Amino acid sequence: MPLTYPPHPKEEASPFRAERI
């Protein structure tokens, strides 16, 4: 699943987004 910007509300709590920021 490709990460999108801005990420979806569910992805905000995802560890994936945390690593990208």
PDB file of N, CA and C in Angstrom:
ATOM      1  N   MET A   1       0.849  -1.204   0.000  1.00  0.00           N
ATOM      2  CA  MET A   1       0.000   0.000   0.000  1.00  0.00           C
ATOM      3  C   MET A   1       0.883   1.251   0.000  1.00  0.00           C
ATOM      4  N   PRO A   2       0.823   2.024  -1.052  1.00  0.00           N
ATOM      5  CA  PRO A   2       1.642   3.243  -1.140  1.00  0.00           C
ATOM      6  C   PRO A   2       1.140   4.311  -0.175  1.00  0.00           C
ATOM      7  N   LEU A   3       2.073   5.004   0.428  1.00  0.00           N
ATOM      8  CA  LEU A   3       1.697   6.073   1.371  1.00  0.00           C
ATOM      9  C   LEU A   3       1.300   7.320   0.589  1.00  0.00           C
ATOM     10  N   THR A   4       0.228   7.941   1.028  1.00  0.00           N
ATOM     11  CA  THR A   4      -0.263   9.128   0.327  1.00  0.00           C
ATOM     12  C   THR A   4      -0.078  10.372   1.184  1.00  0.00           C
ATOM     13  N   TYR A   5       0.095  11.504   0.559  1.00  0.00           N
ATOM     14  CA  TYR A   5       0.239  12.772   1.268  1.00  0.00           C
ATOM     15  C   TYR A   5      -0.840  13.733   0.806  1.00  0.00           C
ATOM     16  N   PRO A   6      -1.691  14.281   1.686  1.00  0.00           N
ATOM     17  CA  PRO A   6      -1.618  13.924   3.105  1.00  0.00           C
ATOM     18  C   PRO A   6      -2.175  12.529   3.357  1.00  0.00           C
ATOM     19  N   PRO A   7      -1.679  11.815   4.372  1.00  0.00           N
ATOM     20  CA  PRO A   7      -2.128  10.455   4.658  1.00  0.00           C
ATOM     21  C   PRO A   7      -3.557  10.428   5.160  1.00  0.00           C
ATOM     22  N   HIS A   8      -4.173   9.257   5.042  1.00  0.00           N
ATOM     23  CA  HIS A   8      -5.538   9.103   5.533  1.00  0.00           C
ATOM     24  C   HIS A   8      -5.551   9.119   7.064  1.00  0.00           C
ATOM     25  N   PRO A   9      -6.691   9.451   7.658  1.00  0.00           N
ATOM     26  CA  PRO A   9      -6.816   9.490   9.120  1.00  0.00           C
ATOM     27  C   PRO A   9      -6.301   8.209   9.782  1.00  0.00           C
ATOM     28  N   LYS A  10      -6.553   7.061   9.140  1.00  0.00           N
ATOM     29  CA  LYS A  10      -6.091   5.796   9.706  1.00  0.00           C
ATOM     30  C   LYS A  10      -4.567   5.702   9.651  1.00  0.00           C
ATOM     31  N   GLU A  11      -3.979   6.278   8.621  1.00  0.00           N
ATOM     32  CA  GLU A  11      -2.526   6.193   8.471  1.00  0.00           C
ATOM     33  C   GLU A  11      -1.810   7.144   9.435  1.00  0.00           C
ATOM     34  N   GLU A  12      -2.540   8.143   9.930  1.00  0.00           N
ATOM     35  CA  GLU A  12      -1.911   9.090  10.861  1.00  0.00           C
ATOM     36  C   GLU A  12      -1.460   8.366  12.123  1.00  0.00           C
ATOM     37  N   ALA A  13      -2.249   7.374  12.541  1.00  0.00           N
ATOM     38  CA  ALA A  13      -1.907   6.611  13.738  1.00  0.00           C
ATOM     39  C   ALA A  13      -1.011   5.424  13.380  1.00  0.00           C
ATOM     40  N   SER A  14      -0.735   5.264  12.098  1.00  0.00           N
ATOM     41  CA  SER A  14       0.083   4.142  11.642  1.00  0.00           C
ATOM     42  C   SER A  14       1.578   4.422  11.880  1.00  0.00           C
ATOM     43  N   PRO A  15       2.326   3.402  12.223  1.00  0.00           N
ATOM     44  CA  PRO A  15       3.770   3.553  12.428  1.00  0.00           C
ATOM     45  C   PRO A  15       4.480   3.937  11.133  1.00  0.00           C
ATOM     46  N   PHE A  16       3.856   3.625  10.002  1.00  0.00           N
ATOM     47  CA  PHE A  16       4.466   3.938   8.708  1.00  0.00           C
ATOM     48  C   PHE A  16       4.611   5.447   8.545  1.00  0.00           C
ATOM     49  N   ARG A  17       3.574   6.197   8.901  1.00  0.00           N
ATOM     50  CA  ARG A  17       3.597   7.644   8.757  1.00  0.00           C
ATOM     51  C   ARG A  17       4.627   8.243   9.729  1.00  0.00           C
ATOM     52  N   ALA A  18       4.713   7.663  10.901  1.00  0.00           N
ATOM     53  CA  ALA A  18       5.640   8.173  11.910  1.00  0.00           C
ATOM     54  C   ALA A  18       7.085   8.060  11.408  1.00  0.00           C
ATOM     55  N   GLU A  19       7.364   6.987  10.670  1.00  0.00           N
ATOM     56  CA  GLU A  19       8.726   6.803  10.166  1.00  0.00           C
ATOM     57  C   GLU A  19       9.024   7.745   9.014  1.00  0.00           C
ATOM     58  N   ARG A  20       7.992   8.128   8.272  1.00  0.00           N
ATOM     59  CA  ARG A  20       8.189   9.016   7.128  1.00  0.00           C
ATOM     60  C   ARG A  20       8.393  10.455   7.585  1.00  0.00           C
ATOM     61  N   ILE A  21       7.763  10.813   8.674  1.00  0.00           N
ATOM     62  CA  ILE A  21       7.861  12.206   9.156  1.00  0.00           C
ATOM     63  C   ILE A  21       9.210  12.423   9.840  1.00  0.00           C
TER      64      ILE A  21
END
